[in-house]
Amino acid sequence: MARTCHAAYSNRAACHTHLGAFAAALEDAERCIALEPAWSKGYSRKGHVELLTKEYAKARPAWHQVVLFVMRSCTSAAETQGNWPCF
């Protein structure tokens, strides 16, 4: 796998999660975040693994980042499309 492809690490994290290989999934999610910190999916992969492993305190910051990305996206869409509601 290309060492600089954040999407590949995200996808592999999803596969590891599905297989129950949570340590490998977390490692790939963290690598995804390191490669592309401005992409929400890495944080959602990390938060998902941490929820499944009952690491709730660790999951909270990851999900907080996801919420921030969604809010920024909605704000941007509202600015470019008028009064377009996000939800």
C-alpha atoms as a PDB file:
ATOM      1  CA  MET A   1       0.000   0.000   0.000  1.00  0.00           C
ATOM      2  CA  ALA A   2       1.196   3.510  -0.716  1.00  0.00           C
ATOM      3  CA  ARG A   3       2.490   4.974   2.515  1.00  0.00           C
ATOM      4  CA  THR A   4       0.932   8.342   1.737  1.00  0.00           C
ATOM      5  CA  CYS A   5      -2.607   7.321   0.749  1.00  0.00           C
ATOM      6  CA  HIS A   6      -4.838   8.339   3.643  1.00  0.00           C
ATOM      7  CA  ALA A   7      -7.962   6.865   2.002  1.00  0.00           C
ATOM      8  CA  ALA A   8      -6.321   3.444   1.745  1.00  0.00           C
ATOM      9  CA  TYR A   9      -5.542   3.476   5.471  1.00  0.00           C
ATOM     10  CA  SER A  10      -9.114   4.540   6.200  1.00  0.00           C
ATOM     11  CA  ASN A  11     -10.535   1.728   4.089  1.00  0.00           C
ATOM     12  CA  ARG A  12      -8.211  -0.821   5.627  1.00  0.00           C
ATOM     13  CA  ALA A  13      -9.190   0.429   9.099  1.00  0.00           C
ATOM     14  CA  ALA A  14     -12.821  -0.261   8.165  1.00  0.00           C
ATOM     15  CA  CYS A  15     -11.919  -3.771   7.018  1.00  0.00           C
ATOM     16  CA  HIS A  16      -9.959  -4.497  10.202  1.00  0.00           C
ATOM     17  CA  THR A  17     -12.876  -3.184  12.265  1.00  0.00           C
ATOM     18  CA  HIS A  18     -15.325  -5.447  10.441  1.00  0.00           C
ATOM     19  CA  LEU A  19     -13.036  -8.406  11.118  1.00  0.00           C
ATOM     20  CA  GLY A  20     -12.679  -7.503  14.790  1.00  0.00           C
ATOM     21  CA  ALA A  21      -8.967  -6.696  14.475  1.00  0.00           C
ATOM     22  CA  PHE A  22      -9.354  -3.550  16.549  1.00  0.00           C
ATOM     23  CA  ALA A  23      -5.675  -2.897  17.286  1.00  0.00           C
ATOM     24  CA  ALA A  24      -4.857  -2.955  13.563  1.00  0.00           C
ATOM     25  CA  ALA A  25      -7.926  -0.836  12.795  1.00  0.00           C
ATOM     26  CA  LEU A  26      -6.905   1.787  15.327  1.00  0.00           C
ATOM     27  CA  GLU A  27      -3.362   1.850  13.974  1.00  0.00           C
ATOM     28  CA  ASP A  28      -4.622   2.423  10.426  1.00  0.00           C
ATOM     29  CA  ALA A  29      -7.120   5.080  11.523  1.00  0.00           C
ATOM     30  CA  GLU A  30      -4.370   6.949  13.345  1.00  0.00           C
ATOM     31  CA  ARG A  31      -2.097   6.690  10.300  1.00  0.00           C
ATOM     32  CA  CYS A  32      -4.921   8.080   8.161  1.00  0.00           C
ATOM     33  CA  ILE A  33      -5.282  11.039  10.538  1.00  0.00           C
ATOM     34  CA  ALA A  34      -1.536  11.651  10.542  1.00  0.00           C
ATOM     35  CA  LEU A  35      -1.466  11.707   6.743  1.00  0.00           C
ATOM     36  CA  GLU A  36      -4.583  13.867   6.290  1.00  0.00           C
ATOM     37  CA  PRO A  37      -5.710  15.581   9.491  1.00  0.00           C
ATOM     38  CA  ALA A  38      -8.254  17.679   7.570  1.00  0.00           C
ATOM     39  CA  TRP A  39     -10.305  14.618   6.540  1.00  0.00           C
ATOM     40  CA  SER A  40     -13.115  13.577   8.864  1.00  0.00           C
ATOM     41  CA  LYS A  41     -13.257   9.900   7.940  1.00  0.00           C
ATOM     42  CA  GLY A  42     -10.018   9.083   9.757  1.00  0.00           C
ATOM     43  CA  TYR A  43     -11.483  10.484  12.958  1.00  0.00           C
ATOM     44  CA  SER A  44     -14.747   8.594  12.471  1.00  0.00           C
ATOM     45  CA  ARG A  45     -12.842   5.332  11.936  1.00  0.00           C
ATOM     46  CA  LYS A  46     -10.828   5.972  15.104  1.00  0.00           C
ATOM     47  CA  GLY A  47     -13.899   6.902  17.127  1.00  0.00           C
ATOM     48  CA  HIS A  48     -15.778   3.835  15.896  1.00  0.00           C
ATOM     49  CA  VAL A  49     -13.013   1.477  16.999  1.00  0.00           C
ATOM     50  CA  GLU A  50     -12.757   3.188  20.367  1.00  0.00           C
ATOM     51  CA  LEU A  51     -16.507   2.875  20.913  1.00  0.00           C
ATOM     52  CA  LEU A  52     -16.451  -0.808  19.986  1.00  0.00           C
ATOM     53  CA  THR A  53     -13.608  -1.421  22.441  1.00  0.00           C
ATOM     54  CA  LYS A  54     -15.458   0.587  25.121  1.00  0.00           C
ATOM     55  CA  GLU A  55     -12.739   3.239  25.253  1.00  0.00           C
ATOM     56  CA  TYR A  56     -15.376   5.941  25.574  1.00  0.00           C
ATOM     57  CA  ALA A  57     -13.112   8.663  26.959  1.00  0.00           C
ATOM     58  CA  LYS A  58     -10.733   8.137  24.037  1.00  0.00           C
ATOM     59  CA  ALA A  59     -13.562   8.093  21.500  1.00  0.00           C
ATOM     60  CA  ARG A  60     -14.950  11.453  22.543  1.00  0.00           C
ATOM     61  CA  PRO A  61     -12.174  13.649  21.033  1.00  0.00           C
ATOM     62  CA  ALA A  62     -12.328  11.749  17.750  1.00  0.00           C
ATOM     63  CA  TRP A  63     -16.091  12.191  17.466  1.00  0.00           C
ATOM     64  CA  HIS A  64     -15.754  15.819  18.502  1.00  0.00           C
ATOM     65  CA  GLN A  65     -13.509  16.331  15.473  1.00  0.00           C
ATOM     66  CA  VAL A  66     -16.112  14.692  13.237  1.00  0.00           C
ATOM     67  CA  VAL A  67     -18.799  17.055  14.545  1.00  0.00           C
ATOM     68  CA  LEU A  68     -16.537  20.043  13.895  1.00  0.00           C
ATOM     69  CA  PHE A  69     -15.967  18.906  10.315  1.00  0.00           C
ATOM     70  CA  VAL A  70     -19.710  18.484   9.761  1.00  0.00           C
ATOM     71  CA  MET A  71     -20.462  21.905  11.207  1.00  0.00           C
ATOM     72  CA  ARG A  72     -17.808  23.531   9.002  1.00  0.00           C
ATOM     73  CA  SER A  73     -19.190  21.739   5.980  1.00  0.00           C
ATOM     74  CA  CYS A  74     -22.721  22.901   6.750  1.00  0.00           C
ATOM     75  CA  THR A  75     -21.579  26.465   7.288  1.00  0.00           C
ATOM     76  CA  SER A  76     -19.710  26.412   4.007  1.00  0.00           C
ATOM     77  CA  ALA A  77     -22.716  24.964   2.162  1.00  0.00           C
ATOM     78  CA  ALA A  78     -25.029  27.557   3.690  1.00  0.00           C
ATOM     79  CA  GLU A  79     -22.699  30.357   2.623  1.00  0.00           C
ATOM     80  CA  THR A  80     -22.447  29.148  -0.956  1.00  0.00           C
ATOM     81  CA  GLN A  81     -26.055  28.056  -1.398  1.00  0.00           C
ATOM     82  CA  GLY A  82     -27.925  30.736   0.521  1.00  0.00           C
ATOM     83  CA  ASN A  83     -30.175  29.584   3.338  1.00  0.00           C
ATOM     84  CA  TRP A  84     -29.707  25.901   2.566  1.00  0.00           C
ATOM     85  CA  PRO A  85     -30.425  23.927   5.768  1.00  0.00           C
ATOM     86  CA  CYS A  86     -27.800  21.402   6.740  1.00  0.00           C
ATOM     87  CA  PHE A  87     -30.101  18.981   8.548  1.00  0.00           C
END
